[in-house]
Amino acid sequence: APGKERELVAAIRWSSWSGGSTFYEDSVKGRFAISR
């Protein structure tokens, strides 16, 4: 946002040996969903 630092909202990771996992910033939990 203007005048603010760039911050993580949500992230997802996966690999050939892992089913993957997701992360959310607290203020968006329950409202945002990351998928692939």
PDB file of all heavy atoms in Angstrom:
ATOM      1  N   ALA A   1       0.847  -1.184   0.000  1.00  0.00           N
ATOM      2  CA  ALA A   1       0.000   0.000   0.000  1.00  0.00           C
ATOM      3  C   ALA A   1       0.887   1.241   0.000  1.00  0.00           C
ATOM      4  O   ALA A   1       2.058   1.163   0.407  1.00  0.00           O
ATOM      5  CB  ALA A   1      -0.913  -0.011   1.218  1.00  0.00           C
ATOM      6  N   PRO A   2       0.384   2.375  -0.436  1.00  0.00           N
ATOM      7  CA  PRO A   2       1.205   3.593  -0.478  1.00  0.00           C
ATOM      8  C   PRO A   2       1.811   3.916   0.880  1.00  0.00           C
ATOM      9  O   PRO A   2       1.116   3.915   1.902  1.00  0.00           O
ATOM     10  CB  PRO A   2       0.199   4.667  -0.906  1.00  0.00           C
ATOM     11  CG  PRO A   2      -0.828   3.929  -1.685  1.00  0.00           C
ATOM     12  CD  PRO A   2      -0.959   2.596  -0.998  1.00  0.00           C
ATOM     13  N   GLY A   3       3.112   4.128   0.888  1.00  0.00           N
ATOM     14  CA  GLY A   3       3.801   4.487   2.116  1.00  0.00           C
ATOM     15  C   GLY A   3       4.079   3.338   3.060  1.00  0.00           C
ATOM     16  O   GLY A   3       4.569   3.559   4.172  1.00  0.00           O
ATOM     17  N   LYS A   4       3.768   2.128   2.638  1.00  0.00           N
ATOM     18  CA  LYS A   4       3.975   0.971   3.506  1.00  0.00           C
ATOM     19  C   LYS A   4       4.940  -0.018   2.874  1.00  0.00           C
ATOM     20  O   LYS A   4       5.194   0.009   1.670  1.00  0.00           O
ATOM     21  CB  LYS A   4       2.639   0.292   3.811  1.00  0.00           C
ATOM     22  CG  LYS A   4       1.687   1.153   4.634  1.00  0.00           C
ATOM     23  CD  LYS A   4       0.471   0.353   5.072  1.00  0.00           C
ATOM     24  CE  LYS A   4      -0.434   1.184   5.966  1.00  0.00           C
ATOM     25  NZ  LYS A   4      -1.612   0.392   6.439  1.00  0.00           N
ATOM     26  N   GLU A   5       5.466  -0.892   3.724  1.00  0.00           N
ATOM     27  CA  GLU A   5       6.344  -1.938   3.248  1.00  0.00           C
ATOM     28  C   GLU A   5       5.543  -3.014   2.501  1.00  0.00           C
ATOM     29  O   GLU A   5       4.355  -3.216   2.773  1.00  0.00           O
ATOM     30  CB  GLU A   5       7.061  -2.590   4.433  1.00  0.00           C
ATOM     31  CG  GLU A   5       8.059  -1.706   5.152  1.00  0.00           C
ATOM     32  CD  GLU A   5       9.295  -1.471   4.315  1.00  0.00           C
ATOM     33  OE1 GLU A   5       9.761  -2.424   3.653  1.00  0.00           O
ATOM     34  OE2 GLU A   5       9.798  -0.333   4.317  1.00  0.00           O
ATOM     35  N   ARG A   6       6.224  -3.683   1.603  1.00  0.00           N
ATOM     36  CA  ARG A   6       5.605  -4.815   0.921  1.00  0.00           C
ATOM     37  C   ARG A   6       5.515  -5.963   1.909  1.00  0.00           C
ATOM     38  O   ARG A   6       6.509  -6.317   2.555  1.00  0.00           O
ATOM     39  CB  ARG A   6       6.432  -5.218  -0.308  1.00  0.00           C
ATOM     40  CG  ARG A   6       5.759  -6.214  -1.213  1.00  0.00           C
ATOM     41  CD  ARG A   6       6.553  -6.410  -2.497  1.00  0.00           C
ATOM     42  NE  ARG A   6       6.655  -5.166  -3.271  1.00  0.00           N
ATOM     43  CZ  ARG A   6       7.168  -5.122  -4.500  1.00  0.00           C
ATOM     44  NH1 ARG A   6       7.601  -6.237  -5.082  1.00  0.00           N
ATOM     45  NH2 ARG A   6       7.259  -3.966  -5.131  1.00  0.00           N
ATOM     46  N   GLU A   7       4.335  -6.547   2.030  1.00  0.00           N
ATOM     47  CA  GLU A   7       4.113  -7.594   3.019  1.00  0.00           C
ATOM     48  C   GLU A   7       3.494  -8.832   2.374  1.00  0.00           C
ATOM     49  O   GLU A   7       2.756  -8.742   1.381  1.00  0.00           O
ATOM     50  CB  GLU A   7       3.168  -7.095   4.123  1.00  0.00           C
ATOM     51  CG  GLU A   7       1.783  -6.723   3.631  1.00  0.00           C
ATOM     52  CD  GLU A   7       0.825  -6.344   4.745  1.00  0.00           C
ATOM     53  OE1 GLU A   7       1.239  -6.318   5.922  1.00  0.00           O
ATOM     54  OE2 GLU A   7      -0.359  -6.091   4.432  1.00  0.00           O
ATOM     55  N   LEU A   8       3.794  -9.972   2.981  1.00  0.00           N
ATOM     56  CA  LEU A   8       3.215 -11.220   2.504  1.00  0.00           C
ATOM     57  C   LEU A   8       1.742 -11.272   2.865  1.00  0.00           C
ATOM     58  O   LEU A   8       1.354 -10.973   3.989  1.00  0.00           O
ATOM     59  CB  LEU A   8       3.933 -12.421   3.117  1.00  0.00           C
ATOM     60  CG  LEU A   8       3.382 -13.783   2.714  1.00  0.00           C
ATOM     61  CD1 LEU A   8       3.740 -14.090   1.265  1.00  0.00           C
ATOM     62  CD2 LEU A   8       3.910 -14.869   3.637  1.00  0.00           C
ATOM     63  N   VAL A   9       0.917 -11.678   1.897  1.00  0.00           N
ATOM     64  CA  VAL A   9      -0.501 -11.895   2.127  1.00  0.00           C
ATOM     65  C   VAL A   9      -0.773 -13.389   2.291  1.00  0.00           C
ATOM     66  O   VAL A   9      -1.418 -13.822   3.246  1.00  0.00           O
ATOM     67  CB  VAL A   9      -1.339 -11.333   0.959  1.00  0.00           C
ATOM     68  CG1 VAL A   9      -2.811 -11.653   1.158  1.00  0.00           C
ATOM     69  CG2 VAL A   9      -1.113  -9.839   0.817  1.00  0.00           C
ATOM     70  N   ALA A  10      -0.276 -14.161   1.356  1.00  0.00           N
ATOM     71  CA  ALA A  10      -0.472 -15.610   1.383  1.00  0.00           C
ATOM     72  C   ALA A  10       0.611 -16.261   0.545  1.00  0.00           C
ATOM     73  O   ALA A  10       1.139 -15.644  -0.389  1.00  0.00           O
ATOM     74  CB  ALA A  10      -1.847 -15.992   0.844  1.00  0.00           C
ATOM     75  N   ALA A  11       0.918 -17.501   0.865  1.00  0.00           N
ATOM     76  CA  ALA A  11       1.940 -18.219   0.113  1.00  0.00           C
ATOM     77  C   ALA A  11       1.591 -19.691   0.076  1.00  0.00           C
ATOM     78  O   ALA A  11       0.848 -20.198   0.931  1.00  0.00           O
ATOM     79  CB  ALA A  11       3.315 -18.006   0.734  1.00  0.00           C
ATOM     80  N   ILE A  12       2.135 -20.338  -0.917  1.00  0.00           N
ATOM     81  CA  ILE A  12       1.925 -21.766  -1.079  1.00  0.00           C
ATOM     82  C   ILE A  12       3.216 -22.381  -1.564  1.00  0.00           C
ATOM     83  O   ILE A  12       3.962 -21.755  -2.320  1.00  0.00           O
ATOM     84  CB  ILE A  12       0.755 -22.032  -2.067  1.00  0.00           C
ATOM     85  CG1 ILE A  12       0.403 -23.516  -2.129  1.00  0.00           C
ATOM     86  CG2 ILE A  12       1.063 -21.474  -3.458  1.00  0.00           C
ATOM     87  CD1 ILE A  12      -0.903 -23.772  -2.866  1.00  0.00           C
ATOM     88  N   ARG A  13       3.505 -23.569  -1.131  1.00  0.00           N
ATOM     89  CA  ARG A  13       4.717 -24.263  -1.560  1.00  0.00           C
ATOM     90  C   ARG A  13       4.380 -25.709  -1.846  1.00  0.00           C
ATOM     91  O   ARG A  13       3.486 -26.284  -1.229  1.00  0.00           O
ATOM     92  CB  ARG A  13       5.817 -24.168  -0.487  1.00  0.00           C
ATOM     93  CG  ARG A  13       5.444 -24.866   0.795  1.00  0.00           C
ATOM     94  CD  ARG A  13       6.469 -24.665   1.896  1.00  0.00           C
ATOM     95  NE  ARG A  13       6.037 -25.361   3.105  1.00  0.00           N
ATOM     96  CZ  ARG A  13       6.619 -25.260   4.278  1.00  0.00           C
ATOM     97  NH1 ARG A  13       7.679 -24.473   4.432  1.00  0.00           N
ATOM     98  NH2 ARG A  13       6.166 -25.932   5.320  1.00  0.00           N
ATOM     99  N   TRP A  14       5.092 -26.286  -2.788  1.00  0.00           N
ATOM    100  CA  TRP A  14       4.904 -27.690  -3.087  1.00  0.00           C
ATOM    101  C   TRP A  14       6.139 -28.228  -3.776  1.00  0.00           C
ATOM    102  O   TRP A  14       6.995 -27.479  -4.244  1.00  0.00           O
ATOM    103  CB  TRP A  14       3.648 -27.917  -3.947  1.00  0.00           C
ATOM    104  CG  TRP A  14       3.732 -27.409  -5.353  1.00  0.00           C
ATOM    105  CD1 TRP A  14       4.132 -28.085  -6.472  1.00  0.00           C
ATOM    106  CD2 TRP A  14       3.417 -26.082  -5.805  1.00  0.00           C
ATOM    107  NE1 TRP A  14       4.075 -27.273  -7.571  1.00  0.00           N
ATOM    108  CE2 TRP A  14       3.623 -26.047  -7.189  1.00  0.00           C
ATOM    109  CE3 TRP A  14       2.960 -24.928  -5.159  1.00  0.00           C
ATOM    110  CZ2 TRP A  14       3.403 -24.898  -7.955  1.00  0.00           C
ATOM    111  CZ3 TRP A  14       2.736 -23.787  -5.920  1.00  0.00           C
ATOM    112  CH2 TRP A  14       2.953 -23.786  -7.288  1.00  0.00           C
ATOM    113  N   SER A  15       6.238 -29.558  -3.815  1.00  0.00           N
ATOM    114  CA  SER A  15       7.350 -30.196  -4.498  1.00  0.00           C
ATOM    115  C   SER A  15       6.896 -31.573  -4.950  1.00  0.00           C
ATOM    116  O   SER A  15       5.784 -31.996  -4.661  1.00  0.00           O
ATOM    117  CB  SER A  15       8.549 -30.322  -3.560  1.00  0.00           C
ATOM    118  OG  SER A  15       8.273 -31.276  -2.559  1.00  0.00           O
ATOM    119  N   SER A  16       7.781 -32.261  -5.646  1.00  0.00           N
ATOM    120  CA  SER A  16       7.471 -33.591  -6.145  1.00  0.00           C
ATOM    121  C   SER A  16       7.319 -34.586  -4.998  1.00  0.00           C
ATOM    122  O   SER A  16       6.727 -35.645  -5.176  1.00  0.00           O
ATOM    123  CB  SER A  16       8.550 -34.059  -7.119  1.00  0.00           C
ATOM    124  OG  SER A  16       9.808 -34.039  -6.497  1.00  0.00           O
ATOM    125  N   TRP A  17       7.845 -34.229  -3.790  1.00  0.00           N
ATOM    126  CA  TRP A  17       7.785 -35.151  -2.664  1.00  0.00           C
ATOM    127  C   TRP A  17       6.863 -34.676  -1.549  1.00  0.00           C
ATOM    128  O   TRP A  17       6.751 -35.298  -0.510  1.00  0.00           O
ATOM    129  CB  TRP A  17       9.190 -35.371  -2.099  1.00  0.00           C
ATOM    130  CG  TRP A  17       9.968 -34.106  -1.899  1.00  0.00           C
ATOM    131  CD1 TRP A  17      10.833 -33.529  -2.764  1.00  0.00           C
ATOM    132  CD2 TRP A  17       9.922 -33.228  -0.765  1.00  0.00           C
ATOM    133  NE1 TRP A  17      11.342 -32.361  -2.239  1.00  0.00           N
ATOM    134  CE2 TRP A  17      10.814 -32.150  -1.027  1.00  0.00           C
ATOM    135  CE3 TRP A  17       9.233 -33.260   0.464  1.00  0.00           C
ATOM    136  CZ2 TRP A  17      11.012 -31.117  -0.108  1.00  0.00           C
ATOM    137  CZ3 TRP A  17       9.437 -32.226   1.367  1.00  0.00           C
ATOM    138  CH2 TRP A  17      10.313 -31.162   1.068  1.00  0.00           C
ATOM    139  N   SER A  18       6.194 -33.547  -1.773  1.00  0.00           N
ATOM    140  CA  SER A  18       5.315 -32.997  -0.749  1.00  0.00           C
ATOM    141  C   SER A  18       4.015 -32.537  -1.367  1.00  0.00           C
ATOM    142  O   SER A  18       3.995 -32.004  -2.480  1.00  0.00           O
ATOM    143  CB  SER A  18       5.992 -31.824  -0.042  1.00  0.00           C
ATOM    144  OG  SER A  18       5.059 -31.167   0.810  1.00  0.00           O
ATOM    145  N   GLY A  19       2.919 -32.742  -0.632  1.00  0.00           N
ATOM    146  CA  GLY A  19       1.628 -32.289  -1.121  1.00  0.00           C
ATOM    147  C   GLY A  19       1.433 -30.797  -1.069  1.00  0.00           C
ATOM    148  O   GLY A  19       0.476 -30.285  -1.649  1.00  0.00           O
ATOM    149  N   GLY A  20       2.334 -30.104  -0.379  1.00  0.00           N
ATOM    150  CA  GLY A  20       2.222 -28.661  -0.351  1.00  0.00           C
ATOM    151  C   GLY A  20       1.580 -28.142   0.914  1.00  0.00           C
ATOM    152  O   GLY A  20       0.921 -28.884   1.653  1.00  0.00           O
ATOM    153  N   SER A  21       1.769 -26.861   1.172  1.00  0.00           N
ATOM    154  CA  SER A  21       1.192 -26.214   2.342  1.00  0.00           C
ATOM    155  C   SER A  21       0.993 -24.738   2.045  1.00  0.00           C
ATOM    156  O   SER A  21       1.604 -24.185   1.125  1.00  0.00           O
ATOM    157  CB  SER A  21       2.082 -26.411   3.565  1.00  0.00           C
ATOM    158  OG  SER A  21       3.400 -26.028   3.287  1.00  0.00           O
ATOM    159  N   THR A  22       0.126 -24.132   2.818  1.00  0.00           N
ATOM    160  CA  THR A  22      -0.221 -22.730   2.600  1.00  0.00           C
ATOM    161  C   THR A  22       0.024 -21.910   3.859  1.00  0.00           C
ATOM    162  O   THR A  22       0.037 -22.444   4.969  1.00  0.00           O
ATOM    163  CB  THR A  22      -1.693 -22.579   2.181  1.00  0.00           C
ATOM    164  OG1 THR A  22      -2.524 -23.170   3.199  1.00  0.00           O
ATOM    165  CG2 THR A  22      -1.959 -23.282   0.857  1.00  0.00           C
ATOM    166  N   PHE A  23       0.218 -20.622   3.658  1.00  0.00           N
ATOM    167  CA  PHE A  23       0.444 -19.690   4.753  1.00  0.00           C
ATOM    168  C   PHE A  23      -0.379 -18.435   4.493  1.00  0.00           C
ATOM    169  O   PHE A  23      -0.531 -18.022   3.336  1.00  0.00           O
ATOM    170  CB  PHE A  23       1.925 -19.308   4.835  1.00  0.00           C
ATOM    171  CG  PHE A  23       2.827 -20.466   5.149  1.00  0.00           C
ATOM    172  CD1 PHE A  23       3.239 -21.333   4.153  1.00  0.00           C
ATOM    173  CD2 PHE A  23       3.274 -20.686   6.443  1.00  0.00           C
ATOM    174  CE1 PHE A  23       4.061 -22.405   4.434  1.00  0.00           C
ATOM    175  CE2 PHE A  23       4.103 -21.752   6.738  1.00  0.00           C
ATOM    176  CZ  PHE A  23       4.496 -22.620   5.729  1.00  0.00           C
ATOM    177  N   TYR A  24      -0.879 -17.827   5.576  1.00  0.00           N
ATOM    178  CA  TYR A  24      -1.677 -16.614   5.453  1.00  0.00           C
ATOM    179  C   TYR A  24      -1.256 -15.590   6.500  1.00  0.00           C
ATOM    180  O   TYR A  24      -0.953 -15.931   7.648  1.00  0.00           O
ATOM    181  CB  TYR A  24      -3.163 -16.923   5.620  1.00  0.00           C
ATOM    182  CG  TYR A  24      -3.732 -17.811   4.549  1.00  0.00           C
ATOM    183  CD1 TYR A  24      -3.809 -19.183   4.714  1.00  0.00           C
ATOM    184  CD2 TYR A  24      -4.194 -17.266   3.358  1.00  0.00           C
ATOM    185  CE1 TYR A  24      -4.326 -19.999   3.726  1.00  0.00           C
ATOM    186  CE2 TYR A  24      -4.721 -18.074   2.356  1.00  0.00           C
ATOM    187  CZ  TYR A  24      -4.780 -19.439   2.552  1.00  0.00           C
ATOM    188  OH  TYR A  24      -5.297 -20.237   1.565  1.00  0.00           O
ATOM    189  N   GLU A  25      -1.284 -14.347   6.079  1.00  0.00           N
ATOM    190  CA  GLU A  25      -1.121 -13.257   7.031  1.00  0.00           C
ATOM    191  C   GLU A  25      -2.381 -13.200   7.880  1.00  0.00           C
ATOM    192  O   GLU A  25      -3.489 -13.491   7.407  1.00  0.00           O
ATOM    193  CB  GLU A  25      -0.895 -11.960   6.247  1.00  0.00           C
ATOM    194  CG  GLU A  25      -0.397 -10.801   7.083  1.00  0.00           C
ATOM    195  CD  GLU A  25      -1.524  -9.954   7.621  1.00  0.00           C
ATOM    196  OE1 GLU A  25      -2.574  -9.870   6.959  1.00  0.00           O
ATOM    197  OE2 GLU A  25      -1.376  -9.383   8.719  1.00  0.00           O
ATOM    198  N   ASP A  26      -2.231 -12.863   9.149  1.00  0.00           N
ATOM    199  CA  ASP A  26      -3.353 -12.962  10.078  1.00  0.00           C
ATOM    200  C   ASP A  26      -4.595 -12.186   9.635  1.00  0.00           C
ATOM    201  O   ASP A  26      -5.727 -12.654   9.798  1.00  0.00           O
ATOM    202  CB  ASP A  26      -2.926 -12.478  11.472  1.00  0.00           C
ATOM    203  CG  ASP A  26      -2.031 -13.474  12.184  1.00  0.00           C
ATOM    204  OD1 ASP A  26      -1.949 -14.637  11.747  1.00  0.00           O
ATOM    205  OD2 ASP A  26      -1.400 -13.093  13.188  1.00  0.00           O
ATOM    206  N   SER A  27      -4.402 -11.019   9.064  1.00  0.00           N
ATOM    207  CA  SER A  27      -5.564 -10.182   8.737  1.00  0.00           C
ATOM    208  C   SER A  27      -6.407 -10.724   7.588  1.00  0.00           C
ATOM    209  O   SER A  27      -7.532 -10.251   7.374  1.00  0.00           O
ATOM    210  CB  SER A  27      -5.101  -8.759   8.406  1.00  0.00           C
ATOM    211  OG  SER A  27      -4.405  -8.721   7.173  1.00  0.00           O
ATOM    212  N   VAL A  28      -5.888 -11.705   6.856  1.00  0.00           N
ATOM    213  CA  VAL A  28      -6.655 -12.239   5.722  1.00  0.00           C
ATOM    214  C   VAL A  28      -7.143 -13.661   5.957  1.00  0.00           C
ATOM    215  O   VAL A  28      -7.861 -14.206   5.117  1.00  0.00           O
ATOM    216  CB  VAL A  28      -5.834 -12.183   4.412  1.00  0.00           C
ATOM    217  CG1 VAL A  28      -5.313 -10.777   4.158  1.00  0.00           C
ATOM    218  CG2 VAL A  28      -4.710 -13.211   4.403  1.00  0.00           C
ATOM    219  N   LYS A  29      -6.761 -14.232   7.076  1.00  0.00           N
ATOM    220  CA  LYS A  29      -7.208 -15.599   7.371  1.00  0.00           C
ATOM    221  C   LYS A  29      -8.731 -15.656   7.424  1.00  0.00           C
ATOM    222  O   LYS A  29      -9.382 -14.816   8.048  1.00  0.00           O
ATOM    223  CB  LYS A  29      -6.614 -16.075   8.702  1.00  0.00           C
ATOM    224  CG  LYS A  29      -5.133 -16.406   8.625  1.00  0.00           C
ATOM    225  CD  LYS A  29      -4.596 -16.872   9.977  1.00  0.00           C
ATOM    226  CE  LYS A  29      -3.125 -17.207   9.895  1.00  0.00           C
ATOM    227  NZ  LYS A  29      -2.563 -17.605  11.227  1.00  0.00           N
ATOM    228  N   GLY A  30      -9.283 -16.654   6.767  1.00  0.00           N
ATOM    229  CA  GLY A  30     -10.727 -16.812   6.716  1.00  0.00           C
ATOM    230  C   GLY A  30     -11.388 -16.011   5.606  1.00  0.00           C
ATOM    231  O   GLY A  30     -12.570 -16.225   5.312  1.00  0.00           O
ATOM    232  N   ARG A  31     -10.643 -15.092   4.999  1.00  0.00           N
ATOM    233  CA  ARG A  31     -11.209 -14.285   3.900  1.00  0.00           C
ATOM    234  C   ARG A  31     -10.541 -14.599   2.559  1.00  0.00           C
ATOM    235  O   ARG A  31     -11.188 -14.573   1.519  1.00  0.00           O
ATOM    236  CB  ARG A  31     -11.044 -12.791   4.196  1.00  0.00           C
ATOM    237  CG  ARG A  31     -11.733 -12.334   5.456  1.00  0.00           C
ATOM    238  CD  ARG A  31     -11.720 -10.800   5.563  1.00  0.00           C
ATOM    239  NE  ARG A  31     -10.365 -10.249   5.643  1.00  0.00           N
ATOM    240  CZ  ARG A  31      -9.876  -9.343   4.797  1.00  0.00           C
ATOM    241  NH1 ARG A  31     -10.606  -8.907   3.793  1.00  0.00           N
ATOM    242  NH2 ARG A  31      -8.641  -8.868   4.969  1.00  0.00           N
ATOM    243  N   PHE A  32      -9.242 -14.847   2.585  1.00  0.00           N
ATOM    244  CA  PHE A  32      -8.482 -15.122   1.360  1.00  0.00           C
ATOM    245  C   PHE A  32      -8.128 -16.604   1.303  1.00  0.00           C
ATOM    246  O   PHE A  32      -7.933 -17.251   2.341  1.00  0.00           O
ATOM    247  CB  PHE A  32      -7.196 -14.313   1.335  1.00  0.00           C
ATOM    248  CG  PHE A  32      -7.374 -12.827   1.155  1.00  0.00           C
ATOM    249  CD1 PHE A  32      -8.617 -12.218   1.257  1.00  0.00           C
ATOM    250  CD2 PHE A  32      -6.273 -12.018   0.913  1.00  0.00           C
ATOM    251  CE1 PHE A  32      -8.769 -10.850   1.103  1.00  0.00           C
ATOM    252  CE2 PHE A  32      -6.405 -10.653   0.749  1.00  0.00           C
ATOM    253  CZ  PHE A  32      -7.652 -10.070   0.865  1.00  0.00           C
ATOM    254  N   ALA A  33      -8.009 -17.100   0.093  1.00  0.00           N
ATOM    255  CA  ALA A  33      -7.582 -18.485  -0.095  1.00  0.00           C
ATOM    256  C   ALA A  33      -6.635 -18.559  -1.274  1.00  0.00           C
ATOM    257  O   ALA A  33      -6.953 -18.083  -2.369  1.00  0.00           O
ATOM    258  CB  ALA A  33      -8.784 -19.391  -0.325  1.00  0.00           C
ATOM    259  N   ILE A  34      -5.485 -19.168  -1.048  1.00  0.00           N
ATOM    260  CA  ILE A  34      -4.503 -19.355  -2.109  1.00  0.00           C
ATOM    261  C   ILE A  34      -4.579 -20.797  -2.582  1.00  0.00           C
ATOM    262  O   ILE A  34      -4.754 -21.720  -1.782  1.00  0.00           O
ATOM    263  CB  ILE A  34      -3.077 -18.985  -1.631  1.00  0.00           C
ATOM    264  CG1 ILE A  34      -2.097 -18.958  -2.799  1.00  0.00           C
ATOM    265  CG2 ILE A  34      -2.598 -19.920  -0.523  1.00  0.00           C
ATOM    266  CD1 ILE A  34      -0.732 -18.348  -2.442  1.00  0.00           C
ATOM    267  N   SER A  35      -4.483 -20.973  -3.872  1.00  0.00           N
ATOM    268  CA  SER A  35      -4.537 -22.318  -4.441  1.00  0.00           C
ATOM    269  C   SER A  35      -3.684 -22.345  -5.702  1.00  0.00           C
ATOM    270  O   SER A  35      -3.212 -21.319  -6.168  1.00  0.00           O
ATOM    271  CB  SER A  35      -5.989 -22.711  -4.756  1.00  0.00           C
ATOM    272  OG  SER A  35      -6.544 -21.826  -5.721  1.00  0.00           O
ATOM    273  N   ARG A  36      -3.524 -23.540  -6.248  1.00  0.00           N
ATOM    274  CA  ARG A  36      -2.716 -23.658  -7.457  1.00  0.00           C
ATOM    275  C   ARG A  36      -3.353 -24.614  -8.441  1.00  0.00           C
ATOM    276  O   ARG A  36      -4.168 -25.470  -8.072  1.00  0.00           O
ATOM    277  CB  ARG A  36      -1.309 -24.138  -7.101  1.00  0.00           C
ATOM    278  CG  ARG A  36      -1.250 -25.586  -6.617  1.00  0.00           C
ATOM    279  CD  ARG A  36       0.173 -25.960  -6.290  1.00  0.00           C
ATOM    280  NE  ARG A  36       0.294 -27.340  -5.830  1.00  0.00           N
ATOM    281  CZ  ARG A  36       0.633 -28.352  -6.617  1.00  0.00           C
ATOM    282  NH1 ARG A  36       0.865 -28.138  -7.905  1.00  0.00           N
ATOM    283  NH2 ARG A  36       0.737 -29.570  -6.132  1.00  0.00           N
TER     284      ARG A  36
END
